[in-house]
Amino acid sequence: MVVVDGGKAKILKVYTATLDSVEYRAYAINWKGQEVVATVPTSVIKTKHKVGDELAFVVFRVSTSVSGPILVIAEDMPMPIPGTALAPNPVKSDLKELNIRIDEKNIIWMEGKQYELSALSAELLKKAPAKHQVVLHSHPDSSYTTTVKILDVLKEAKITNVMFTADSEE
């Protein structure tokens, strides 16, 4: 995934749903003259915005193709949003960088070792969350769902310092 745009927009509509006590929220906003829906991954809902509120958002291109699909994510994601006043968390020199990579087959790798989600969760819980920054590398053909699942695992491990990159198709 590649970040292609971002900004702030007034919320036009709010969509909510609950399944097994898990809440889903999404917001209709105007982006470049089009009504689009900005989603909020379930694991990171912080604010229950309402119609008329201003929402910061980021737009991703899901593949490297210029005509590839886009995905609009609301502000509650723990990442800097282009075009907004939100600034990235400064990288502290005492943080250990953990690289997690999602390859084109949605296989998860950390520090050169392949992990299933449950094993990744257990490994991350062993580490001191405050001392780690995760760089999440996603292949352009990897699934957005896999990325969200990894964000859920990071939240469970109390690792909040996360950066995103999109790997090339090389």
C-alpha atoms as a PDB file:
ATOM      1  CA  MET A   1       0.000   0.000   0.000  1.00  0.00           C
ATOM      2  CA  VAL A   2       1.183   3.467  -0.843  1.00  0.00           C
ATOM      3  CA  VAL A   3      -0.046   6.712   0.718  1.00  0.00           C
ATOM      4  CA  VAL A   4      -1.341   8.961  -2.087  1.00  0.00           C
ATOM      5  CA  ASP A   5      -3.233  11.727  -0.292  1.00  0.00           C
ATOM      6  CA  GLY A   6      -4.694  12.842   2.987  1.00  0.00           C
ATOM      7  CA  GLY A   7      -6.341  15.764   4.676  1.00  0.00           C
ATOM      8  CA  LYS A   8      -9.362  16.786   6.680  1.00  0.00           C
ATOM      9  CA  ALA A   9     -13.027  16.795   5.705  1.00  0.00           C
ATOM     10  CA  LYS A  10     -16.413  17.269   7.375  1.00  0.00           C
ATOM     11  CA  ILE A  11     -18.291  14.064   8.113  1.00  0.00           C
ATOM     12  CA  LEU A  12     -21.410  13.739   5.941  1.00  0.00           C
ATOM     13  CA  LYS A  13     -22.739  10.428   7.317  1.00  0.00           C
ATOM     14  CA  VAL A  14     -21.794   7.961  10.044  1.00  0.00           C
ATOM     15  CA  TYR A  15     -22.103   4.210   9.575  1.00  0.00           C
ATOM     16  CA  THR A  16     -22.014   1.833  12.547  1.00  0.00           C
ATOM     17  CA  ALA A  17     -22.573  -1.844  13.063  1.00  0.00           C
ATOM     18  CA  THR A  18     -21.931  -4.262  15.915  1.00  0.00           C
ATOM     19  CA  LEU A  19     -21.259  -7.968  15.688  1.00  0.00           C
ATOM     20  CA  ASP A  20     -20.446 -10.065  18.752  1.00  0.00           C
ATOM     21  CA  SER A  21     -19.852  -6.870  20.777  1.00  0.00           C
ATOM     22  CA  VAL A  22     -17.275  -5.591  18.252  1.00  0.00           C
ATOM     23  CA  GLU A  23     -18.132  -2.192  16.823  1.00  0.00           C
ATOM     24  CA  TYR A  24     -17.512  -1.137  13.229  1.00  0.00           C
ATOM     25  CA  ARG A  25     -17.479   2.593  12.370  1.00  0.00           C
ATOM     26  CA  ALA A  26     -17.076   4.363   9.054  1.00  0.00           C
ATOM     27  CA  TYR A  27     -17.590   7.932   7.929  1.00  0.00           C
ATOM     28  CA  ALA A  28     -18.787   9.329   4.590  1.00  0.00           C
ATOM     29  CA  ILE A  29     -16.670  12.351   3.635  1.00  0.00           C
ATOM     30  CA  ASN A  30     -16.100  14.466   0.536  1.00  0.00           C
ATOM     31  CA  TRP A  31     -12.724  13.806  -1.097  1.00  0.00           C
ATOM     32  CA  LYS A  32     -11.883  15.560  -4.371  1.00  0.00           C
ATOM     33  CA  GLY A  33     -15.568  16.146  -5.139  1.00  0.00           C
ATOM     34  CA  GLN A  34     -16.524  12.520  -4.476  1.00  0.00           C
ATOM     35  CA  GLU A  35     -18.313  11.003  -1.517  1.00  0.00           C
ATOM     36  CA  VAL A  36     -16.086   8.255  -0.114  1.00  0.00           C
ATOM     37  CA  VAL A  37     -16.218   6.165   3.027  1.00  0.00           C
ATOM     38  CA  ALA A  38     -13.318   6.427   5.486  1.00  0.00           C
ATOM     39  CA  THR A  39     -13.067   3.270   7.542  1.00  0.00           C
ATOM     40  CA  VAL A  40     -11.712   2.844  11.040  1.00  0.00           C
ATOM     41  CA  PRO A  41     -10.121  -0.520  11.854  1.00  0.00           C
ATOM     42  CA  THR A  42     -12.049  -2.007  14.762  1.00  0.00           C
ATOM     43  CA  SER A  43      -8.976  -2.266  16.966  1.00  0.00           C
ATOM     44  CA  VAL A  44      -8.206   1.450  16.905  1.00  0.00           C
ATOM     45  CA  ILE A  45     -11.553   3.207  17.386  1.00  0.00           C
ATOM     46  CA  LYS A  46     -10.732   6.061  19.759  1.00  0.00           C
ATOM     47  CA  THR A  47     -13.343   8.706  19.009  1.00  0.00           C
ATOM     48  CA  LYS A  48     -16.979   8.324  18.072  1.00  0.00           C
ATOM     49  CA  HIS A  49     -17.288  11.192  15.621  1.00  0.00           C
ATOM     50  CA  LYS A  50     -20.656  12.555  14.502  1.00  0.00           C
ATOM     51  CA  VAL A  51     -22.020  14.253  11.380  1.00  0.00           C
ATOM     52  CA  GLY A  52     -20.431  17.686  10.968  1.00  0.00           C
ATOM     53  CA  ASP A  53     -17.224  16.828  12.857  1.00  0.00           C
ATOM     54  CA  GLU A  54     -13.959  17.342  11.017  1.00  0.00           C
ATOM     55  CA  LEU A  55     -12.168  14.061  10.291  1.00  0.00           C
ATOM     56  CA  ALA A  56      -8.506  13.671   9.401  1.00  0.00           C
ATOM     57  CA  PHE A  57      -7.937  10.869   6.894  1.00  0.00           C
ATOM     58  CA  VAL A  58      -5.320   9.231   4.700  1.00  0.00           C
ATOM     59  CA  VAL A  59      -5.794   7.682   1.253  1.00  0.00           C
ATOM     60  CA  PHE A  60      -3.830   4.584   0.243  1.00  0.00           C
ATOM     61  CA  ARG A  61      -3.438   3.022  -3.179  1.00  0.00           C
ATOM     62  CA  VAL A  62      -3.818  -0.677  -2.465  1.00  0.00           C
ATOM     63  CA  SER A  63      -1.626  -1.720  -5.409  1.00  0.00           C
ATOM     64  CA  THR A  64       1.156   0.024  -7.302  1.00  0.00           C
ATOM     65  CA  SER A  65      -0.997   0.278 -10.426  1.00  0.00           C
ATOM     66  CA  VAL A  66      -2.129   3.853 -11.149  1.00  0.00           C
ATOM     67  CA  SER A  67      -5.625   2.484 -11.718  1.00  0.00           C
ATOM     68  CA  GLY A  68      -5.463   0.248  -8.638  1.00  0.00           C
ATOM     69  CA  PRO A  69      -8.112   0.450  -5.934  1.00  0.00           C
ATOM     70  CA  ILE A  70      -7.874   3.012  -3.150  1.00  0.00           C
ATOM     71  CA  LEU A  71      -8.598   2.734   0.543  1.00  0.00           C
ATOM     72  CA  VAL A  72      -9.498   5.663   2.792  1.00  0.00           C
ATOM     73  CA  ILE A  73      -8.599   5.337   6.481  1.00  0.00           C
ATOM     74  CA  ALA A  74      -9.822   7.667   9.229  1.00  0.00           C
ATOM     75  CA  GLU A  75      -7.572   9.514  11.669  1.00  0.00           C
ATOM     76  CA  ASP A  76      -7.641   6.998  14.486  1.00  0.00           C
ATOM     77  CA  MET A  77      -4.876   5.004  12.829  1.00  0.00           C
ATOM     78  CA  PRO A  78      -1.565   5.449  14.678  1.00  0.00           C
ATOM     79  CA  MET A  79       0.229   7.126  11.755  1.00  0.00           C
ATOM     80  CA  PRO A  80       0.986  10.595  10.456  1.00  0.00           C
ATOM     81  CA  ILE A  81      -1.541  11.843   7.930  1.00  0.00           C
ATOM     82  CA  PRO A  82      -0.285  13.898   4.966  1.00  0.00           C
ATOM     83  CA  GLY A  83      -1.729  17.404   4.760  1.00  0.00           C
ATOM     84  CA  THR A  84      -2.800  17.589   8.400  1.00  0.00           C
ATOM     85  CA  ALA A  85      -1.371  19.138  11.505  1.00  0.00           C
ATOM     86  CA  LEU A  86      -0.811  15.683  12.945  1.00  0.00           C
ATOM     87  CA  ALA A  87       2.907  15.002  13.199  1.00  0.00           C
ATOM     88  CA  PRO A  88       4.619  11.625  13.343  1.00  0.00           C
ATOM     89  CA  ASN A  89       5.961  10.454  16.658  1.00  0.00           C
ATOM     90  CA  PRO A  90       9.647  11.276  16.745  1.00  0.00           C
ATOM     91  CA  VAL A  91      11.867   8.220  16.545  1.00  0.00           C
ATOM     92  CA  LYS A  92      13.737   7.937  19.821  1.00  0.00           C
ATOM     93  CA  SER A  93      17.294   6.727  19.620  1.00  0.00           C
ATOM     94  CA  ASP A  94      16.698   4.236  22.432  1.00  0.00           C
ATOM     95  CA  LEU A  95      13.954   2.406  20.506  1.00  0.00           C
ATOM     96  CA  LYS A  96      14.754  -0.965  18.985  1.00  0.00           C
ATOM     97  CA  GLU A  97      13.355  -1.223  15.477  1.00  0.00           C
ATOM     98  CA  LEU A  98      11.359  -4.361  14.697  1.00  0.00           C
ATOM     99  CA  ASN A  99      10.710  -4.978  11.024  1.00  0.00           C
ATOM    100  CA  ILE A 100       7.570  -6.929  10.195  1.00  0.00           C
ATOM    101  CA  ARG A 101       7.091  -7.795   6.544  1.00  0.00           C
ATOM    102  CA  ILE A 102       3.999  -9.058   4.746  1.00  0.00           C
ATOM    103  CA  ASP A 103       4.953 -10.697   1.473  1.00  0.00           C
ATOM    104  CA  GLU A 104       2.848 -11.099  -1.672  1.00  0.00           C
ATOM    105  CA  LYS A 105       1.398 -14.385  -0.335  1.00  0.00           C
ATOM    106  CA  ASN A 106       0.434 -12.727   2.996  1.00  0.00           C
ATOM    107  CA  ILE A 107       3.171 -14.596   4.850  1.00  0.00           C
ATOM    108  CA  ILE A 108       4.322 -12.647   7.898  1.00  0.00           C
ATOM    109  CA  TRP A 109       8.044 -12.269   8.616  1.00  0.00           C
ATOM    110  CA  MET A 110       9.817 -10.668  11.586  1.00  0.00           C
ATOM    111  CA  GLU A 111      13.585 -10.519  11.979  1.00  0.00           C
ATOM    112  CA  GLY A 112      14.013 -13.037   9.155  1.00  0.00           C
ATOM    113  CA  LYS A 113      11.665 -15.622  10.671  1.00  0.00           C
ATOM    114  CA  GLN A 114       8.214 -16.623   9.397  1.00  0.00           C
ATOM    115  CA  TYR A 115       5.316 -16.255  11.879  1.00  0.00           C
ATOM    116  CA  GLU A 116       1.675 -17.186  12.135  1.00  0.00           C
ATOM    117  CA  LEU A 117      -0.404 -14.433  13.781  1.00  0.00           C
ATOM    118  CA  SER A 118      -0.673 -16.249  17.130  1.00  0.00           C
ATOM    119  CA  ALA A 119       3.083 -16.884  17.284  1.00  0.00           C
ATOM    120  CA  LEU A 120       3.782 -13.265  16.296  1.00  0.00           C
ATOM    121  CA  SER A 121       1.518 -12.123  19.124  1.00  0.00           C
ATOM    122  CA  ALA A 122       3.314 -14.334  21.653  1.00  0.00           C
ATOM    123  CA  GLU A 123       6.739 -13.150  20.466  1.00  0.00           C
ATOM    124  CA  LEU A 124       5.753  -9.465  20.632  1.00  0.00           C
ATOM    125  CA  LEU A 125       4.299  -9.877  24.124  1.00  0.00           C
ATOM    126  CA  LYS A 126       7.741 -11.117  25.298  1.00  0.00           C
ATOM    127  CA  LYS A 127       9.338  -7.830  24.243  1.00  0.00           C
ATOM    128  CA  ALA A 128       9.165  -4.548  26.188  1.00  0.00           C
ATOM    129  CA  PRO A 129       6.607  -2.585  24.100  1.00  0.00           C
ATOM    130  CA  ALA A 130       7.830   0.870  25.131  1.00  0.00           C
ATOM    131  CA  LYS A 131      11.291   0.055  23.820  1.00  0.00           C
ATOM    132  CA  HIS A 132      10.218  -0.956  20.315  1.00  0.00           C
ATOM    133  CA  GLN A 133       9.200   0.736  17.121  1.00  0.00           C
ATOM    134  CA  VAL A 134       7.639  -1.475  14.474  1.00  0.00           C
ATOM    135  CA  VAL A 135       8.151  -0.808  10.793  1.00  0.00           C
ATOM    136  CA  LEU A 136       5.427  -2.660   8.913  1.00  0.00           C
ATOM    137  CA  HIS A 137       6.462  -3.453   5.334  1.00  0.00           C
ATOM    138  CA  SER A 138       3.592  -4.494   3.039  1.00  0.00           C
ATOM    139  CA  HIS A 139       4.064  -5.970  -0.418  1.00  0.00           C
ATOM    140  CA  PRO A 140       1.742  -4.231  -2.950  1.00  0.00           C
ATOM    141  CA  ASP A 141      -0.107  -7.510  -3.502  1.00  0.00           C
ATOM    142  CA  SER A 142      -0.559  -8.265   0.203  1.00  0.00           C
ATOM    143  CA  SER A 143      -4.017  -8.170   1.740  1.00  0.00           C
ATOM    144  CA  TYR A 144      -5.219  -5.129   3.670  1.00  0.00           C
ATOM    145  CA  THR A 145      -6.906  -7.605   6.024  1.00  0.00           C
ATOM    146  CA  THR A 146      -3.506  -9.035   6.975  1.00  0.00           C
ATOM    147  CA  THR A 147      -2.252  -5.525   7.766  1.00  0.00           C
ATOM    148  CA  VAL A 148      -5.251  -4.865  10.034  1.00  0.00           C
ATOM    149  CA  LYS A 149      -4.758  -8.208  11.802  1.00  0.00           C
ATOM    150  CA  ILE A 150      -1.137  -7.286  12.492  1.00  0.00           C
ATOM    151  CA  LEU A 151      -2.278  -3.907  13.858  1.00  0.00           C
ATOM    152  CA  ASP A 152      -4.612  -5.807  16.204  1.00  0.00           C
ATOM    153  CA  VAL A 153      -1.655  -7.953  17.364  1.00  0.00           C
ATOM    154  CA  LEU A 154       0.484  -4.827  17.911  1.00  0.00           C
ATOM    155  CA  LYS A 155      -2.297  -3.240  19.946  1.00  0.00           C
ATOM    156  CA  GLU A 156      -2.570  -6.380  22.091  1.00  0.00           C
ATOM    157  CA  ALA A 157       1.202  -6.244  22.652  1.00  0.00           C
ATOM    158  CA  LYS A 158       0.860  -2.536  23.595  1.00  0.00           C
ATOM    159  CA  ILE A 159       3.216  -1.481  20.802  1.00  0.00           C
ATOM    160  CA  THR A 160       1.970   1.885  19.576  1.00  0.00           C
ATOM    161  CA  ASN A 161       4.997   3.274  17.773  1.00  0.00           C
ATOM    162  CA  VAL A 162       4.312   1.950  14.251  1.00  0.00           C
ATOM    163  CA  MET A 163       5.488   3.107  10.832  1.00  0.00           C
ATOM    164  CA  PHE A 164       4.250   1.853   7.470  1.00  0.00           C
ATOM    165  CA  THR A 165       6.117   1.283   4.230  1.00  0.00           C
ATOM    166  CA  ALA A 166       5.101  -0.242   0.939  1.00  0.00           C
ATOM    167  CA  ASP A 167       7.597  -2.583  -0.624  1.00  0.00           C
ATOM    168  CA  SER A 168       8.191  -2.543  -4.364  1.00  0.00           C
ATOM    169  CA  GLU A 169       7.102  -5.407  -6.578  1.00  0.00           C
ATOM    170  CA  GLU A 170      10.701  -6.389  -7.326  1.00  0.00           C
END
